[in-house]
N, C-alpha and C. Protein backbone atom coordinates (compact mmCIF):
# COMPACT_ATOMS: atom_id res chain seq x y z
N UNK A 1 102.87 107.49 92.46
CA UNK A 1 103.85 107.72 93.51
C UNK A 1 103.37 108.79 94.49
N UNK A 2 103.70 108.58 95.77
CA UNK A 2 103.36 109.56 96.85
C UNK A 2 104.53 110.53 97.02
N UNK A 3 104.11 111.78 97.14
CA UNK A 3 105.11 112.82 97.35
C UNK A 3 104.89 113.54 98.71
N UNK A 4 105.81 114.02 99.31
CA UNK A 4 105.68 114.84 100.43
C UNK A 4 106.01 116.28 99.97
N UNK A 5 104.97 117.16 99.93
CA UNK A 5 105.09 118.49 99.45
C UNK A 5 104.39 119.48 100.26
N UNK A 6 104.51 120.77 99.79
CA UNK A 6 103.91 121.87 100.52
C UNK A 6 102.42 122.21 99.91
N UNK A 7 101.55 122.54 100.75
CA UNK A 7 100.16 122.94 100.40
C UNK A 7 100.05 124.36 101.00
N UNK A 8 99.77 125.37 100.15
CA UNK A 8 99.72 126.80 100.48
C UNK A 8 98.36 127.06 101.03
N UNK A 9 98.36 127.90 102.20
CA UNK A 9 97.10 128.51 102.71
C UNK A 9 97.45 129.81 103.31
N UNK A 10 96.48 130.53 103.65
CA UNK A 10 96.69 131.89 104.25
C UNK A 10 96.34 133.03 103.30
N UNK A 11 96.50 134.25 103.79
CA UNK A 11 96.08 135.40 102.96
C UNK A 11 97.14 135.78 101.98
N UNK A 12 96.85 136.59 101.06
CA UNK A 12 97.81 137.13 100.09
C UNK A 12 99.03 137.76 100.82
N UNK A 13 100.14 137.34 100.38
CA UNK A 13 101.41 137.95 100.87
C UNK A 13 101.74 137.49 102.36
N UNK A 14 100.91 136.60 102.83
CA UNK A 14 101.04 136.04 104.25
C UNK A 14 100.88 134.52 104.24
N UNK A 15 101.54 133.96 103.27
CA UNK A 15 101.36 132.48 102.97
C UNK A 15 101.97 131.67 104.06
N UNK A 16 101.36 130.63 104.43
CA UNK A 16 101.90 129.57 105.42
C UNK A 16 101.62 128.19 104.58
N UNK A 17 102.24 127.23 104.91
CA UNK A 17 102.28 125.94 104.22
C UNK A 17 102.02 124.77 105.24
N UNK A 18 101.32 123.73 104.71
CA UNK A 18 101.12 122.49 105.42
C UNK A 18 102.04 121.48 104.58
N UNK A 19 102.66 120.66 105.31
CA UNK A 19 103.50 119.55 104.75
C UNK A 19 102.58 118.39 104.59
N UNK A 20 102.33 117.94 103.35
CA UNK A 20 101.29 116.88 103.14
C UNK A 20 101.86 115.67 102.40
N UNK A 21 101.24 114.55 102.49
CA UNK A 21 101.48 113.45 101.63
C UNK A 21 100.43 113.41 100.62
N UNK A 22 100.71 113.37 99.32
CA UNK A 22 99.75 113.48 98.24
C UNK A 22 100.24 112.80 97.01
N UNK A 23 99.38 112.23 96.19
CA UNK A 23 99.77 111.63 94.91
C UNK A 23 100.45 112.65 94.07
N UNK A 24 101.47 112.25 93.36
CA UNK A 24 102.26 113.21 92.58
C UNK A 24 101.50 113.95 91.39
N UNK A 25 100.39 113.33 90.87
CA UNK A 25 99.72 113.91 89.77
C UNK A 25 98.55 114.73 90.24
N UNK A 26 98.39 114.98 91.59
CA UNK A 26 97.32 115.86 92.03
C UNK A 26 97.79 117.30 92.08
N UNK A 27 96.82 118.14 92.07
CA UNK A 27 97.15 119.57 92.05
C UNK A 27 97.72 120.06 93.41
N UNK A 28 98.33 121.24 93.44
CA UNK A 28 99.09 121.71 94.61
C UNK A 28 98.23 121.79 95.85
N UNK A 29 96.99 122.31 95.70
CA UNK A 29 96.09 122.48 96.88
C UNK A 29 94.97 121.49 96.90
N UNK A 30 95.26 120.27 96.26
CA UNK A 30 94.28 119.19 96.30
C UNK A 30 94.17 118.51 97.56
N UNK A 31 93.25 117.53 97.54
CA UNK A 31 92.99 116.77 98.89
C UNK A 31 94.15 115.87 99.12
N UNK A 32 94.80 116.02 100.36
CA UNK A 32 95.90 115.22 100.69
C UNK A 32 95.53 113.87 101.21
N UNK A 33 96.54 112.93 101.09
CA UNK A 33 96.36 111.61 101.80
C UNK A 33 96.43 111.84 103.32
N UNK A 34 97.37 112.63 103.71
CA UNK A 34 97.60 112.98 105.07
C UNK A 34 98.37 114.23 105.34
N UNK A 35 98.00 115.00 106.44
CA UNK A 35 98.73 116.15 106.71
C UNK A 35 99.74 115.87 107.80
N UNK A 36 101.03 116.20 107.49
CA UNK A 36 102.11 115.84 108.35
C UNK A 36 102.92 116.85 109.01
N UNK A 37 102.57 118.09 108.81
CA UNK A 37 103.27 119.10 109.48
C UNK A 37 102.81 120.54 108.94
N UNK A 38 103.56 121.55 109.39
CA UNK A 38 103.24 122.91 109.15
C UNK A 38 104.51 123.68 109.01
N UNK A 39 104.59 124.63 108.10
CA UNK A 39 105.79 125.49 107.91
C UNK A 39 105.37 126.86 107.62
N UNK A 40 105.95 127.87 108.40
CA UNK A 40 105.71 129.31 108.20
C UNK A 40 107.08 129.85 107.71
N UNK A 41 107.24 130.23 106.45
CA UNK A 41 108.50 130.79 106.01
C UNK A 41 108.85 132.21 106.55
N UNK A 42 107.78 132.97 106.95
CA UNK A 42 108.03 134.33 107.47
C UNK A 42 108.55 134.29 108.80
N UNK A 43 108.30 133.31 109.68
CA UNK A 43 108.91 133.24 110.96
C UNK A 43 109.81 132.00 111.12
N UNK A 44 109.86 131.22 110.06
CA UNK A 44 110.69 130.04 110.06
C UNK A 44 110.29 129.02 111.11
N UNK A 45 109.02 128.98 111.41
CA UNK A 45 108.40 128.08 112.40
C UNK A 45 107.91 126.82 111.71
N UNK A 46 108.30 125.68 112.31
CA UNK A 46 107.78 124.36 111.87
C UNK A 46 107.23 123.58 112.96
N UNK A 47 106.27 122.83 112.60
CA UNK A 47 105.71 121.78 113.58
C UNK A 47 105.60 120.47 112.62
N UNK A 48 106.22 119.53 113.02
CA UNK A 48 106.34 118.25 112.23
C UNK A 48 105.80 117.01 113.03
N UNK A 49 104.95 116.20 112.33
CA UNK A 49 104.55 114.84 112.88
C UNK A 49 105.66 113.89 112.48
N UNK A 50 106.74 113.82 113.28
CA UNK A 50 107.91 113.09 112.89
C UNK A 50 107.57 111.54 112.63
N UNK A 51 106.81 110.91 113.53
CA UNK A 51 106.54 109.49 113.29
C UNK A 51 105.75 109.29 112.09
N UNK A 52 104.89 110.15 111.67
CA UNK A 52 104.15 110.00 110.42
C UNK A 52 105.03 110.30 109.29
N UNK A 53 105.85 111.18 109.30
CA UNK A 53 106.81 111.45 108.16
C UNK A 53 107.78 110.25 108.06
N UNK A 54 108.27 109.73 109.10
CA UNK A 54 109.19 108.59 109.01
C UNK A 54 108.43 107.40 108.38
N UNK A 55 107.16 107.15 108.80
CA UNK A 55 106.48 106.11 108.16
C UNK A 55 106.26 106.31 106.68
N UNK A 56 105.94 107.49 106.26
CA UNK A 56 105.69 107.74 104.81
C UNK A 56 106.95 107.59 103.97
N UNK A 57 108.11 108.04 104.64
CA UNK A 57 109.37 107.98 103.92
C UNK A 57 109.83 106.47 103.78
N UNK A 58 109.49 105.66 104.76
CA UNK A 58 109.78 104.10 104.62
C UNK A 58 108.93 103.48 103.64
N UNK A 59 107.70 104.04 103.43
CA UNK A 59 106.80 103.47 102.56
C UNK A 59 107.11 103.91 101.06
N UNK A 60 108.15 104.74 100.88
CA UNK A 60 108.54 105.12 99.54
C UNK A 60 108.21 106.45 99.11
N UNK A 61 107.69 107.27 100.01
CA UNK A 61 107.30 108.69 99.61
C UNK A 61 108.55 109.49 99.29
N UNK A 62 108.55 110.39 98.32
CA UNK A 62 109.62 111.12 97.89
C UNK A 62 109.33 112.62 98.25
N UNK A 63 110.18 113.28 99.04
CA UNK A 63 109.95 114.60 99.42
C UNK A 63 110.48 115.52 98.19
N UNK A 64 109.76 116.74 98.08
CA UNK A 64 110.27 117.72 97.16
C UNK A 64 111.46 118.35 97.75
N UNK A 65 112.18 119.15 96.92
CA UNK A 65 113.43 119.81 97.40
C UNK A 65 113.24 120.67 98.63
N UNK A 66 112.15 121.42 98.65
CA UNK A 66 111.91 122.34 99.78
C UNK A 66 111.62 121.47 100.99
N UNK A 67 110.76 120.57 100.86
CA UNK A 67 110.42 119.73 102.06
C UNK A 67 111.58 118.90 102.57
N UNK A 68 112.46 118.49 101.59
CA UNK A 68 113.72 117.80 101.97
C UNK A 68 114.64 118.68 102.80
N UNK A 69 114.68 119.97 102.45
CA UNK A 69 115.57 120.84 103.23
C UNK A 69 114.98 121.16 104.60
N UNK A 70 113.64 121.19 104.74
CA UNK A 70 113.01 121.32 106.01
C UNK A 70 113.17 120.18 106.89
N UNK A 71 113.16 118.96 106.33
CA UNK A 71 113.31 117.66 107.04
C UNK A 71 114.75 117.51 107.44
N UNK A 72 115.72 118.03 106.63
CA UNK A 72 117.11 117.87 107.01
C UNK A 72 117.50 118.87 108.18
N UNK A 73 116.82 120.06 108.19
CA UNK A 73 117.06 120.93 109.37
C UNK A 73 116.54 120.38 110.59
N UNK A 74 115.39 119.60 110.49
CA UNK A 74 114.81 118.99 111.68
C UNK A 74 115.49 117.59 112.04
N UNK A 75 116.43 117.23 111.24
CA UNK A 75 117.18 115.91 111.37
C UNK A 75 116.25 114.71 111.40
N UNK A 76 115.23 114.70 110.47
CA UNK A 76 114.34 113.62 110.40
C UNK A 76 114.94 112.42 109.67
N UNK A 77 115.83 112.68 108.72
CA UNK A 77 116.45 111.54 107.90
C UNK A 77 117.32 110.70 108.79
N UNK A 78 117.89 111.31 109.86
CA UNK A 78 118.70 110.55 110.73
C UNK A 78 117.91 109.46 111.45
N UNK A 79 116.63 109.83 111.76
CA UNK A 79 115.75 108.84 112.48
C UNK A 79 115.29 107.74 111.47
N UNK A 80 115.20 108.10 110.15
CA UNK A 80 114.73 107.10 109.19
C UNK A 80 115.90 106.07 109.09
N UNK A 81 117.15 106.54 108.99
CA UNK A 81 118.28 105.65 108.87
C UNK A 81 118.52 104.85 110.13
N UNK A 82 118.32 105.43 111.26
CA UNK A 82 118.67 104.85 112.56
C UNK A 82 117.79 103.59 112.86
N UNK A 83 116.57 103.72 112.39
CA UNK A 83 115.58 102.63 112.76
C UNK A 83 115.44 101.49 111.74
N UNK A 84 116.35 101.58 110.60
CA UNK A 84 116.28 100.47 109.66
C UNK A 84 117.22 99.33 110.04
């Protein structure tokens, strides 16, 4: 199963995350299938590849709880439902 989850990078105590599509049995910082966005929790900055995320969600990818809340704030699920 493909998951949409966060991949950590950055210095100690200055973490940033990439939103990636990855197999659910891969490690957290493993090689992703595709990088779909960026999230910085310190500044609450996000950059999302919305068409790529919508495509992965339609293919059956399951977001983690944190990624789901980021996508809800960006109103991505409305685009998934509107195009079906």
